[in-house]
Full PDB file with SEQRES, HELIX, SHEET, SSBOND, CRYST1, ORIGX, SCALE, CONECT and MASTER records, all heavy atoms in Angstrom:
SEQRES   1 A   41  MET HIS PHE SER ALA GLN SER ASN ARG THR ASN ASP ILE          
SEQRES   2 A   41  MET ARG THR LEU THR ALA LEU THR ALA ILE PHE LEU PRO          
SEQRES   3 A   41  LEU ASN LEU ILE ALA GLY ILE PHE GLY MET ASN PHE GLN          
SEQRES   4 A   41  PHE ILE                                                      
HELIX    1 AA1 HIS A    2  PHE A   34  1                                  33    
CRYST1    1.000    1.000    1.000  90.00  90.00  90.00 P 1           1          
ORIGX1      1.000000  0.000000  0.000000        0.00000                         
ORIGX2      0.000000  1.000000  0.000000        0.00000                         
ORIGX3      0.000000  0.000000  1.000000        0.00000                         
SCALE1      1.000000  0.000000  0.000000        0.00000                         
SCALE2      0.000000  1.000000  0.000000        0.00000                         
SCALE3      0.000000  0.000000  1.000000        0.00000                         
ATOM      1  N   MET A   1     133.732  50.284 112.652  1.00  0.00           N  
ATOM      2  CA  MET A   1     134.657  50.499 111.540  1.00  0.00           C  
ATOM      3  C   MET A   1     133.907  50.745 110.243  1.00  0.00           C  
ATOM      4  O   MET A   1     134.332  51.558 109.409  1.00  0.00           O  
ATOM      5  CB  MET A   1     135.593  49.296 111.401  1.00  0.00           C  
ATOM      6  CG  MET A   1     136.573  49.123 112.547  1.00  0.00           C  
ATOM      7  SD  MET A   1     137.599  47.647 112.378  1.00  0.00           S  
ATOM      8  CE  MET A   1     138.473  48.020 110.856  1.00  0.00           C  
ATOM      9  N   HIS A   2     132.768  50.047 110.065  1.00  0.00           N  
ATOM     10  CA  HIS A   2     131.971  50.254 108.855  1.00  0.00           C  
ATOM     11  C   HIS A   2     131.483  51.698 108.768  1.00  0.00           C  
ATOM     12  O   HIS A   2     131.650  52.364 107.740  1.00  0.00           O  
ATOM     13  CB  HIS A   2     130.796  49.285 108.851  1.00  0.00           C  
ATOM     14  CG  HIS A   2     129.784  49.564 107.785  1.00  0.00           C  
ATOM     15  ND1 HIS A   2     129.986  49.255 106.454  1.00  0.00           N  
ATOM     16  CD2 HIS A   2     128.558  50.155 107.846  1.00  0.00           C  
ATOM     17  CE1 HIS A   2     128.934  49.623 105.749  1.00  0.00           C  
ATOM     18  NE2 HIS A   2     128.051  50.173 106.569  1.00  0.00           N  
ATOM     19  N   PHE A   3     130.887  52.190 109.853  1.00  0.00           N  
ATOM     20  CA  PHE A   3     130.370  53.557 109.829  1.00  0.00           C  
ATOM     21  C   PHE A   3     131.498  54.579 109.797  1.00  0.00           C  
ATOM     22  O   PHE A   3     131.346  55.663 109.218  1.00  0.00           O  
ATOM     23  CB  PHE A   3     129.465  53.793 111.032  1.00  0.00           C  
ATOM     24  CG  PHE A   3     128.120  53.135 110.916  1.00  0.00           C  
ATOM     25  CD1 PHE A   3     127.775  52.076 111.727  1.00  0.00           C  
ATOM     26  CD2 PHE A   3     127.201  53.574 109.978  1.00  0.00           C  
ATOM     27  CE1 PHE A   3     126.540  51.463 111.612  1.00  0.00           C  
ATOM     28  CE2 PHE A   3     125.959  52.982 109.855  1.00  0.00           C  
ATOM     29  CZ  PHE A   3     125.632  51.907 110.678  1.00  0.00           C  
ATOM     30  N   SER A   4     132.635  54.234 110.394  1.00  0.00           N  
ATOM     31  CA  SER A   4     133.781  55.138 110.300  1.00  0.00           C  
ATOM     32  C   SER A   4     134.270  55.226 108.862  1.00  0.00           C  
ATOM     33  O   SER A   4     134.599  56.320 108.369  1.00  0.00           O  
ATOM     34  CB  SER A   4     134.899  54.648 111.218  1.00  0.00           C  
ATOM     35  OG  SER A   4     136.036  55.464 111.105  1.00  0.00           O  
ATOM     36  N   ALA A   5     134.331  54.069 108.173  1.00  0.00           N  
ATOM     37  CA  ALA A   5     134.752  54.082 106.775  1.00  0.00           C  
ATOM     38  C   ALA A   5     133.759  54.842 105.908  1.00  0.00           C  
ATOM     39  O   ALA A   5     134.146  55.604 105.006  1.00  0.00           O  
ATOM     40  CB  ALA A   5     134.912  52.642 106.263  1.00  0.00           C  
ATOM     41  N   GLN A   6     132.446  54.643 106.181  1.00  0.00           N  
ATOM     42  CA  GLN A   6     131.446  55.387 105.428  1.00  0.00           C  
ATOM     43  C   GLN A   6     131.555  56.883 105.697  1.00  0.00           C  
ATOM     44  O   GLN A   6     131.394  57.706 104.787  1.00  0.00           O  
ATOM     45  CB  GLN A   6     130.045  54.881 105.811  1.00  0.00           C  
ATOM     46  CG  GLN A   6     129.757  53.463 105.384  1.00  0.00           C  
ATOM     47  CD  GLN A   6     129.778  53.298 103.878  1.00  0.00           C  
ATOM     48  OE1 GLN A   6     129.302  54.138 103.127  1.00  0.00           O  
ATOM     49  NE2 GLN A   6     130.359  52.196 103.419  1.00  0.00           N  
ATOM     50  N   SER A   7     131.847  57.253 106.944  1.00  0.00           N  
ATOM     51  CA  SER A   7     132.012  58.668 107.272  1.00  0.00           C  
ATOM     52  C   SER A   7     133.231  59.259 106.561  1.00  0.00           C  
ATOM     53  O   SER A   7     133.171  60.382 106.033  1.00  0.00           O  
ATOM     54  CB  SER A   7     132.145  58.831 108.781  1.00  0.00           C  
ATOM     55  OG  SER A   7     132.364  60.172 109.135  1.00  0.00           O  
ATOM     56  N   ASN A   8     134.322  58.500 106.536  1.00  0.00           N  
ATOM     57  CA  ASN A   8     135.520  58.977 105.826  1.00  0.00           C  
ATOM     58  C   ASN A   8     135.260  59.120 104.338  1.00  0.00           C  
ATOM     59  O   ASN A   8     135.733  60.075 103.704  1.00  0.00           O  
ATOM     60  CB  ASN A   8     136.679  58.021 106.063  1.00  0.00           C  
ATOM     61  CG  ASN A   8     137.213  58.103 107.482  1.00  0.00           C  
ATOM     62  OD1 ASN A   8     137.033  59.108 108.157  1.00  0.00           O  
ATOM     63  ND2 ASN A   8     137.854  57.041 107.939  1.00  0.00           N  
ATOM     64  N   ARG A   9     134.508  58.179 103.785  1.00  0.00           N  
ATOM     65  CA  ARG A   9     134.189  58.256 102.356  1.00  0.00           C  
ATOM     66  C   ARG A   9     133.323  59.482 102.071  1.00  0.00           C  
ATOM     67  O   ARG A   9     133.518  60.184 101.071  1.00  0.00           O  
ATOM     68  CB  ARG A   9     133.465  56.979 101.930  1.00  0.00           C  
ATOM     69  CG  ARG A   9     133.169  56.891 100.436  1.00  0.00           C  
ATOM     70  CD  ARG A   9     132.741  55.491 100.055  1.00  0.00           C  
ATOM     71  NE  ARG A   9     132.456  55.402  98.636  1.00  0.00           N  
ATOM     72  CZ  ARG A   9     131.250  55.576  98.103  1.00  0.00           C  
ATOM     73  NH1 ARG A   9     130.224  55.841  98.886  1.00  0.00           N  
ATOM     74  NH2 ARG A   9     131.059  55.488  96.804  1.00  0.00           N  
ATOM     75  N   THR A  10     132.360  59.744 102.964  1.00  0.00           N  
ATOM     76  CA  THR A  10     131.524  60.935 102.811  1.00  0.00           C  
ATOM     77  C   THR A  10     132.356  62.209 102.922  1.00  0.00           C  
ATOM     78  O   THR A  10     132.158  63.175 102.162  1.00  0.00           O  
ATOM     79  CB  THR A  10     130.414  60.935 103.858  1.00  0.00           C  
ATOM     80  OG1 THR A  10     129.631  59.746 103.720  1.00  0.00           O  
ATOM     81  CG2 THR A  10     129.519  62.152 103.704  1.00  0.00           C  
ATOM     82  N   ASN A  11     133.300  62.204 103.856  1.00  0.00           N  
ATOM     83  CA  ASN A  11     134.180  63.364 104.002  1.00  0.00           C  
ATOM     84  C   ASN A  11     135.026  63.586 102.753  1.00  0.00           C  
ATOM     85  O   ASN A  11     135.264  64.729 102.334  1.00  0.00           O  
ATOM     86  CB  ASN A  11     135.086  63.180 105.214  1.00  0.00           C  
ATOM     87  CG  ASN A  11     134.318  63.254 106.519  1.00  0.00           C  
ATOM     88  OD1 ASN A  11     133.224  63.817 106.571  1.00  0.00           O  
ATOM     89  ND2 ASN A  11     134.874  62.672 107.568  1.00  0.00           N  
ATOM     90  N   ASP A  12     135.515  62.482 102.152  1.00  0.00           N  
ATOM     91  CA  ASP A  12     136.281  62.606 100.903  1.00  0.00           C  
ATOM     92  C   ASP A  12     135.438  63.246  99.805  1.00  0.00           C  
ATOM     93  O   ASP A  12     135.893  64.130  99.073  1.00  0.00           O  
ATOM     94  CB  ASP A  12     136.770  61.229 100.446  1.00  0.00           C  
ATOM     95  CG  ASP A  12     137.910  60.709 101.308  1.00  0.00           C  
ATOM     96  OD1 ASP A  12     138.548  61.532 101.994  1.00  0.00           O  
ATOM     97  OD2 ASP A  12     138.150  59.492 101.292  1.00  0.00           O  
ATOM     98  N   ILE A  13     134.184  62.773  99.694  1.00  0.00           N  
ATOM     99  CA  ILE A  13     133.306  63.306  98.649  1.00  0.00           C  
ATOM    100  C   ILE A  13     133.023  64.785  98.888  1.00  0.00           C  
ATOM    101  O   ILE A  13     133.098  65.616  97.960  1.00  0.00           O  
ATOM    102  CB  ILE A  13     131.994  62.498  98.601  1.00  0.00           C  
ATOM    103  CG1 ILE A  13     132.284  61.054  98.176  1.00  0.00           C  
ATOM    104  CG2 ILE A  13     130.994  63.153  97.651  1.00  0.00           C  
ATOM    105  CD1 ILE A  13     131.072  60.152  98.246  1.00  0.00           C  
ATOM    106  N   MET A  14     132.715  65.126 100.148  1.00  0.00           N  
ATOM    107  CA  MET A  14     132.412  66.526 100.452  1.00  0.00           C  
ATOM    108  C   MET A  14     133.639  67.416 100.263  1.00  0.00           C  
ATOM    109  O   MET A  14     133.521  68.555  99.781  1.00  0.00           O  
ATOM    110  CB  MET A  14     131.906  66.637 101.895  1.00  0.00           C  
ATOM    111  CG  MET A  14     130.566  65.979 102.135  1.00  0.00           C  
ATOM    112  SD  MET A  14     129.279  66.615 101.031  1.00  0.00           S  
ATOM    113  CE  MET A  14     129.263  68.339 101.508  1.00  0.00           C  
ATOM    114  N   ARG A  15     134.829  66.934 100.587  1.00  0.00           N  
ATOM    115  CA  ARG A  15     136.038  67.725 100.395  1.00  0.00           C  
ATOM    116  C   ARG A  15     136.314  67.940  98.908  1.00  0.00           C  
ATOM    117  O   ARG A  15     136.696  69.039  98.477  1.00  0.00           O  
ATOM    118  CB  ARG A  15     137.232  67.036 101.067  1.00  0.00           C  
ATOM    119  CG  ARG A  15     138.484  67.892 101.034  1.00  0.00           C  
ATOM    120  CD  ARG A  15     139.643  67.248 101.792  1.00  0.00           C  
ATOM    121  NE  ARG A  15     140.025  65.983 101.213  1.00  0.00           N  
ATOM    122  CZ  ARG A  15     139.824  64.802 101.784  1.00  0.00           C  
ATOM    123  NH1 ARG A  15     139.222  64.739 102.965  1.00  0.00           N  
ATOM    124  NH2 ARG A  15     140.210  63.690 101.210  1.00  0.00           N  
ATOM    125  N   THR A  16     136.079  66.899  98.115  1.00  0.00           N  
ATOM    126  CA  THR A  16     136.283  67.040  96.672  1.00  0.00           C  
ATOM    127  C   THR A  16     135.290  68.031  96.074  1.00  0.00           C  
ATOM    128  O   THR A  16     135.654  68.890  95.260  1.00  0.00           O  
ATOM    129  CB  THR A  16     136.128  65.665  96.000  1.00  0.00           C  
ATOM    130  OG1 THR A  16     137.085  64.751  96.542  1.00  0.00           O  
ATOM    131  CG2 THR A  16     136.354  65.786  94.490  1.00  0.00           C  
ATOM    132  N   LEU A  17     134.035  67.904  96.473  1.00  0.00           N  
ATOM    133  CA  LEU A  17     133.026  68.842  95.963  1.00  0.00           C  
ATOM    134  C   LEU A  17     133.323  70.271  96.406  1.00  0.00           C  
ATOM    135  O   LEU A  17     133.132  71.223  95.633  1.00  0.00           O  
ATOM    136  CB  LEU A  17     131.635  68.420  96.455  1.00  0.00           C  
ATOM    137  CG  LEU A  17     131.078  67.109  95.881  1.00  0.00           C  
ATOM    138  CD1 LEU A  17     129.740  66.790  96.514  1.00  0.00           C  
ATOM    139  CD2 LEU A  17     130.953  67.194  94.363  1.00  0.00           C  
ATOM    140  N   THR A  18     133.805  70.437  97.622  1.00  0.00           N  
ATOM    141  CA  THR A  18     134.145  71.775  98.103  1.00  0.00           C  
ATOM    142  C   THR A  18     135.308  72.362  97.313  1.00  0.00           C  
ATOM    143  O   THR A  18     135.313  73.557  96.957  1.00  0.00           O  
ATOM    144  CB  THR A  18     134.504  71.722  99.590  1.00  0.00           C  
ATOM    145  OG1 THR A  18     133.392  71.183 100.321  1.00  0.00           O  
ATOM    146  CG2 THR A  18     134.828  73.103 100.129  1.00  0.00           C  
ATOM    147  N   ALA A  19     136.322  71.526  97.028  1.00  0.00           N  
ATOM    148  CA  ALA A  19     137.468  71.998  96.250  1.00  0.00           C  
ATOM    149  C   ALA A  19     137.039  72.387  94.838  1.00  0.00           C  
ATOM    150  O   ALA A  19     137.474  73.418  94.294  1.00  0.00           O  
ATOM    151  CB  ALA A  19     138.550  70.920  96.207  1.00  0.00           C  
ATOM    152  N   LEU A  20     136.171  71.566  94.214  1.00  0.00           N  
ATOM    153  CA  LEU A  20     135.694  71.901  92.865  1.00  0.00           C  
ATOM    154  C   LEU A  20     134.873  73.188  92.891  1.00  0.00           C  
ATOM    155  O   LEU A  20     134.958  74.015  91.961  1.00  0.00           O  
ATOM    156  CB  LEU A  20     134.860  70.741  92.315  1.00  0.00           C  
ATOM    157  CG  LEU A  20     135.624  69.448  92.017  1.00  0.00           C  
ATOM    158  CD1 LEU A  20     134.674  68.348  91.563  1.00  0.00           C  
ATOM    159  CD2 LEU A  20     136.687  69.701  90.940  1.00  0.00           C  
ATOM    160  N   THR A  21     134.069  73.353  93.940  1.00  0.00           N  
ATOM    161  CA  THR A  21     133.296  74.600  94.057  1.00  0.00           C  
ATOM    162  C   THR A  21     134.221  75.803  94.191  1.00  0.00           C  
ATOM    163  O   THR A  21     133.984  76.868  93.601  1.00  0.00           O  
ATOM    164  CB  THR A  21     132.364  74.503  95.271  1.00  0.00           C  
ATOM    165  OG1 THR A  21     131.495  73.378  95.116  1.00  0.00           O  
ATOM    166  CG2 THR A  21     131.532  75.769  95.421  1.00  0.00           C  
ATOM    167  N   ALA A  22     135.308  75.634  94.982  1.00  0.00           N  
ATOM    168  CA  ALA A  22     136.269  76.729  95.158  1.00  0.00           C  
ATOM    169  C   ALA A  22     136.989  77.042  93.848  1.00  0.00           C  
ATOM    170  O   ALA A  22     137.352  78.195  93.576  1.00  0.00           O  
ATOM    171  CB  ALA A  22     137.278  76.366  96.243  1.00  0.00           C  
ATOM    172  N   ILE A  23     137.230  76.008  93.007  1.00  0.00           N  
ATOM    173  CA  ILE A  23     137.888  76.243  91.712  1.00  0.00           C  
ATOM    174  C   ILE A  23     136.979  77.040  90.788  1.00  0.00           C  
ATOM    175  O   ILE A  23     137.406  77.986  90.090  1.00  0.00           O  
ATOM    176  CB  ILE A  23     138.292  74.911  91.074  1.00  0.00           C  
ATOM    177  CG1 ILE A  23     139.440  74.269  91.874  1.00  0.00           C  
ATOM    178  CG2 ILE A  23     138.703  75.100  89.607  1.00  0.00           C  
ATOM    179  CD1 ILE A  23     139.797  72.880  91.389  1.00  0.00           C  
ATOM    180  N   PHE A  24     135.691  76.698  90.758  1.00  0.00           N  
ATOM    181  CA  PHE A  24     134.779  77.367  89.824  1.00  0.00           C  
ATOM    182  C   PHE A  24     134.268  78.703  90.353  1.00  0.00           C  
ATOM    183  O   PHE A  24     133.666  79.466  89.592  1.00  0.00           O  
ATOM    184  CB  PHE A  24     133.588  76.452  89.506  1.00  0.00           C  
ATOM    185  CG  PHE A  24     133.914  75.381  88.502  1.00  0.00           C  
ATOM    186  CD1 PHE A  24     134.333  74.128  88.915  1.00  0.00           C  
ATOM    187  CD2 PHE A  24     133.820  75.646  87.142  1.00  0.00           C  
ATOM    188  CE1 PHE A  24     134.637  73.155  87.997  1.00  0.00           C  
ATOM    189  CE2 PHE A  24     134.114  74.667  86.210  1.00  0.00           C  
ATOM    190  CZ  PHE A  24     134.536  73.410  86.638  1.00  0.00           C  
ATOM    191  N   LEU A  25     134.517  79.004  91.605  1.00  0.00           N  
ATOM    192  CA  LEU A  25     134.035  80.279  92.134  1.00  0.00           C  
ATOM    193  C   LEU A  25     134.692  81.485  91.447  1.00  0.00           C  
ATOM    194  O   LEU A  25     133.970  82.414  91.006  1.00  0.00           O  
ATOM    195  CB  LEU A  25     134.271  80.322  93.649  1.00  0.00           C  
ATOM    196  CG  LEU A  25     133.705  81.541  94.373  1.00  0.00           C  
ATOM    197  CD1 LEU A  25     132.187  81.604  94.199  1.00  0.00           C  
ATOM    198  CD2 LEU A  25     134.075  81.505  95.850  1.00  0.00           C  
ATOM    199  N   PRO A  26     136.025  81.544  91.295  1.00  0.00           N  
ATOM    200  CA  PRO A  26     136.606  82.689  90.562  1.00  0.00           C  
ATOM    201  C   PRO A  26     136.205  82.701  89.086  1.00  0.00           C  
ATOM    202  O   PRO A  26     136.128  83.767  88.477  1.00  0.00           O  
ATOM    203  CB  PRO A  26     138.108  82.506  90.756  1.00  0.00           C  
ATOM    204  CG  PRO A  26     138.294  81.080  91.104  1.00  0.00           C  
ATOM    205  CD  PRO A  26     137.082  80.668  91.853  1.00  0.00           C  
ATOM    206  N   LEU A  27     135.953  81.528  88.504  1.00  0.00           N  
ATOM    207  CA  LEU A  27     135.503  81.493  87.109  1.00  0.00           C  
ATOM    208  C   LEU A  27     134.125  82.133  86.988  1.00  0.00           C  
ATOM    209  O   LEU A  27     133.848  82.875  86.018  1.00  0.00           O  
ATOM    210  CB  LEU A  27     135.469  80.051  86.607  1.00  0.00           C  
ATOM    211  CG  LEU A  27     136.750  79.216  86.792  1.00  0.00           C  
ATOM    212  CD1 LEU A  27     136.607  77.878  86.099  1.00  0.00           C  
ATOM    213  CD2 LEU A  27     137.961  79.982  86.257  1.00  0.00           C  
ATOM    214  N   ASN A  28     133.278  81.855  87.937  1.00  0.00           N  
ATOM    215  CA  ASN A  28     131.965  82.511  87.944  1.00  0.00           C  
ATOM    216  C   ASN A  28     132.100  84.014  88.143  1.00  0.00           C  
ATOM    217  O   ASN A  28     131.317  84.806  87.588  1.00  0.00           O  
ATOM    218  CB  ASN A  28     131.088  81.916  89.045  1.00  0.00           C  
ATOM    219  CG  ASN A  28     130.700  80.478  88.766  1.00  0.00           C  
ATOM    220  OD1 ASN A  28     130.636  80.062  87.608  1.00  0.00           O  
ATOM    221  ND2 ASN A  28     130.449  79.713  89.814  1.00  0.00           N  
ATOM    222  N   LEU A  29     133.096  84.407  88.952  1.00  0.00           N  
ATOM    223  CA  LEU A  29     133.331  85.839  89.161  1.00  0.00           C  
ATOM    224  C   LEU A  29     133.741  86.522  87.865  1.00  0.00           C  
ATOM    225  O   LEU A  29     133.235  87.604  87.524  1.00  0.00           O  
ATOM    226  CB  LEU A  29     134.415  86.025  90.232  1.00  0.00           C  
ATOM    227  CG  LEU A  29     134.824  87.472  90.517  1.00  0.00           C  
ATOM    228  CD1 LEU A  29     133.628  88.275  91.032  1.00  0.00           C  
ATOM    229  CD2 LEU A  29     135.983  87.511  91.503  1.00  0.00           C  
ATOM    230  N   ILE A  30     134.681  85.891  87.136  1.00  0.00           N  
ATOM    231  CA  ILE A  30     135.112  86.464  85.850  1.00  0.00           C  
ATOM    232  C   ILE A  30     133.948  86.544  84.871  1.00  0.00           C  
ATOM    233  O   ILE A  30     133.734  87.558  84.191  1.00  0.00           O  
ATOM    234  CB  ILE A  30     136.270  85.643  85.266  1.00  0.00           C  
ATOM    235  CG1 ILE A  30     137.503  85.736  86.192  1.00  0.00           C  
ATOM    236  CG2 ILE A  30     136.624  86.112  83.866  1.00  0.00           C  
ATOM    237  CD1 ILE A  30     138.650  84.841  85.759  1.00  0.00           C  
ATOM    238  N   ALA A  31     133.173  85.439  84.813  1.00  0.00           N  
ATOM    239  CA  ALA A  31     132.023  85.449  83.899  1.00  0.00           C  
ATOM    240  C   ALA A  31     131.009  86.510  84.313  1.00  0.00           C  
ATOM    241  O   ALA A  31     130.397  87.172  83.461  1.00  0.00           O  
ATOM    242  CB  ALA A  31     131.375  84.071  83.886  1.00  0.00           C  
ATOM    243  N   GLY A  32     130.830  86.693  85.597  1.00  0.00           N  
ATOM    244  CA  GLY A  32     129.892  87.705  86.065  1.00  0.00           C  
ATOM    245  C   GLY A  32     130.360  89.111  85.743  1.00  0.00           C  
ATOM    246  O   GLY A  32     129.551  89.983  85.403  1.00  0.00           O  
ATOM    247  N   ILE A  33     131.682  89.352  85.851  1.00  0.00           N  
ATOM    248  CA  ILE A  33     132.201  90.693  85.544  1.00  0.00           C  
ATOM    249  C   ILE A  33     131.973  91.024  84.080  1.00  0.00           C  
ATOM    250  O   ILE A  33     131.504  92.115  83.731  1.00  0.00           O  
ATOM    251  CB  ILE A  33     133.681  90.778  85.904  1.00  0.00           C  
ATOM    252  CG1 ILE A  33     133.838  90.729  87.448  1.00  0.00           C  
ATOM    253  CG2 ILE A  33     134.308  92.051  85.344  1.00  0.00           C  
ATOM    254  CD1 ILE A  33     135.269  90.688  87.905  1.00  0.00           C  
ATOM    255  N   PHE A  34     132.322  90.079  83.190  1.00  0.00           N  
ATOM    256  CA  PHE A  34     132.158  90.357  81.760  1.00  0.00           C  
ATOM    257  C   PHE A  34     130.695  90.307  81.333  1.00  0.00           C  
ATOM    258  O   PHE A  34     130.373  90.645  80.200  1.00  0.00           O  
ATOM    259  CB  PHE A  34     132.984  89.376  80.939  1.00  0.00           C  
ATOM    260  CG  PHE A  34     134.437  89.722  80.878  1.00  0.00           C  
ATOM    261  CD1 PHE A  34     135.333  89.210  81.806  1.00  0.00           C  
ATOM    262  CD2 PHE A  34     134.920  90.589  79.909  1.00  0.00           C  
ATOM    263  CE1 PHE A  34     136.662  89.538  81.768  1.00  0.00           C  
ATOM    264  CE2 PHE A  34     136.256  90.924  79.859  1.00  0.00           C  
ATOM    265  CZ  PHE A  34     137.143  90.399  80.795  1.00  0.00           C  
ATOM    266  N   GLY A  35     129.822  89.855  82.220  1.00  0.00           N  
ATOM    267  CA  GLY A  35     128.401  89.873  81.876  1.00  0.00           C  
ATOM    268  C   GLY A  35     127.679  91.115  82.361  1.00  0.00           C  
ATOM    269  O   GLY A  35     126.466  91.229  82.179  1.00  0.00           O  
ATOM    270  N   MET A  36     128.409  92.069  82.966  1.00  0.00           N  
ATOM    271  CA  MET A  36     127.779  93.321  83.415  1.00  0.00           C  
ATOM    272  C   MET A  36     127.371  94.192  82.236  1.00  0.00           C  
ATOM    273  O   MET A  36     128.015  94.175  81.188  1.00  0.00           O  
ATOM    274  CB  MET A  36     128.741  94.080  84.316  1.00  0.00           C  
ATOM    275  CG  MET A  36     129.042  93.398  85.635  1.00  0.00           C  
ATOM    276  SD  MET A  36     130.165  94.373  86.652  1.00  0.00           S  
ATOM    277  CE  MET A  36     130.284  93.310  88.091  1.00  0.00           C  
ATOM    278  N   ASN A  37     126.322  94.962  82.407  1.00  0.00           N  
ATOM    279  CA  ASN A  37     125.785  95.819  81.345  1.00  0.00           C  
ATOM    280  C   ASN A  37     126.399  97.215  81.376  1.00  0.00           C  
ATOM    281  O   ASN A  37     125.699  98.219  81.317  1.00  0.00           O  
ATOM    282  CB  ASN A  37     124.258  95.918  81.474  1.00  0.00           C  
ATOM    283  CG  ASN A  37     123.570  94.597  81.224  1.00  0.00           C  
ATOM    284  OD1 ASN A  37     124.019  93.843  80.352  1.00  0.00           O  
ATOM    285  ND2 ASN A  37     122.520  94.312  81.964  1.00  0.00           N  
ATOM    286  N   PHE A  38     127.723  97.295  81.496  1.00  0.00           N  
ATOM    287  CA  PHE A  38     128.416  98.574  81.372  1.00  0.00           C  
ATOM    288  C   PHE A  38     128.868  98.751  79.920  1.00  0.00           C  
ATOM    289  O   PHE A  38     129.218  97.785  79.249  1.00  0.00           O  
ATOM    290  CB  PHE A  38     129.619  98.630  82.314  1.00  0.00           C  
ATOM    291  CG  PHE A  38     129.221  98.689  83.774  1.00  0.00           C  
ATOM    292  CD1 PHE A  38     129.349  97.577  84.589  1.00  0.00           C  
ATOM    293  CD2 PHE A  38     128.711  99.863  84.315  1.00  0.00           C  
ATOM    294  CE1 PHE A  38     128.985  97.641  85.911  1.00  0.00           C  
ATOM    295  CE2 PHE A  38     128.351  99.921  85.647  1.00  0.00           C  
ATOM    296  CZ  PHE A  38     128.478  98.802  86.454  1.00  0.00           C  
ATOM    297  N   GLN A  39     128.902 100.022  79.483  1.00  0.00           N  
ATOM    298  CA  GLN A  39     129.317 100.258  78.089  1.00  0.00           C  
ATOM    299  C   GLN A  39     130.809 100.115  77.914  1.00  0.00           C  
ATOM    300  O   GLN A  39     131.268  99.618  76.886  1.00  0.00           O  
ATOM    301  CB  GLN A  39     128.881 101.675  77.658  1.00  0.00           C  
ATOM    302  CG  GLN A  39     129.205 101.965  76.204  1.00  0.00           C  
ATOM    303  CD  GLN A  39     128.681 103.336  75.772  1.00  0.00           C  
ATOM    304  OE1 GLN A  39     128.098 104.069  76.565  1.00  0.00           O  
ATOM    305  NE2 GLN A  39     128.893 103.682  74.500  1.00  0.00           N  
ATOM    306  N   PHE A  40     131.567 100.533  78.913  1.00  0.00           N  
ATOM    307  CA  PHE A  40     133.030 100.465  78.796  1.00  0.00           C  
ATOM    308  C   PHE A  40     133.567  99.427  79.794  1.00  0.00           C  
ATOM    309  O   PHE A  40     133.559  99.655  81.009  1.00  0.00           O  
ATOM    310  CB  PHE A  40     133.669 101.836  79.068  1.00  0.00           C  
ATOM    311  CG  PHE A  40     133.206 102.903  78.105  1.00  0.00           C  
ATOM    312  CD1 PHE A  40     132.246 103.842  78.474  1.00  0.00           C  
ATOM    313  CD2 PHE A  40     133.718 102.944  76.800  1.00  0.00           C  
ATOM    314  CE1 PHE A  40     131.814 104.798  77.581  1.00  0.00           C  
ATOM    315  CE2 PHE A  40     133.278 103.916  75.923  1.00  0.00           C  
ATOM    316  CZ  PHE A  40     132.323 104.850  76.303  1.00  0.00           C  
ATOM    317  N   ILE A  41     133.956  98.278  79.295  1.00  0.00           N  
ATOM    318  CA  ILE A  41     134.590  97.198  80.056  1.00  0.00           C  
ATOM    319  C   ILE A  41     135.861  96.814  79.313  1.00  0.00           C  
ATOM    320  O   ILE A  41     135.837  96.620  78.094  1.00  0.00           O  
ATOM    321  CB  ILE A  41     133.668  95.982  80.200  1.00  0.00           C  
ATOM    322  CG1 ILE A  41     132.417  96.346  81.019  1.00  0.00           C  
ATOM    323  CG2 ILE A  41     134.393  94.815  80.882  1.00  0.00           C  
ATOM    324  CD1 ILE A  41     131.442  95.207  81.183  1.00  0.00           C  
TER     325      ILE A  41                                                      
MASTER        0    0    0    1    0    0    0    6  324    1    0    4          
END                                                                             
């Protein structure tokens, strides 16, 4: 039960980090688009 609880806690942390990464992924995309060196954007 101890290792199962630790595994569940690790899964919670990894799921939260994955969700936060998924949230910031489109933000990085937007920042990357506006950071392109094109004259007309």
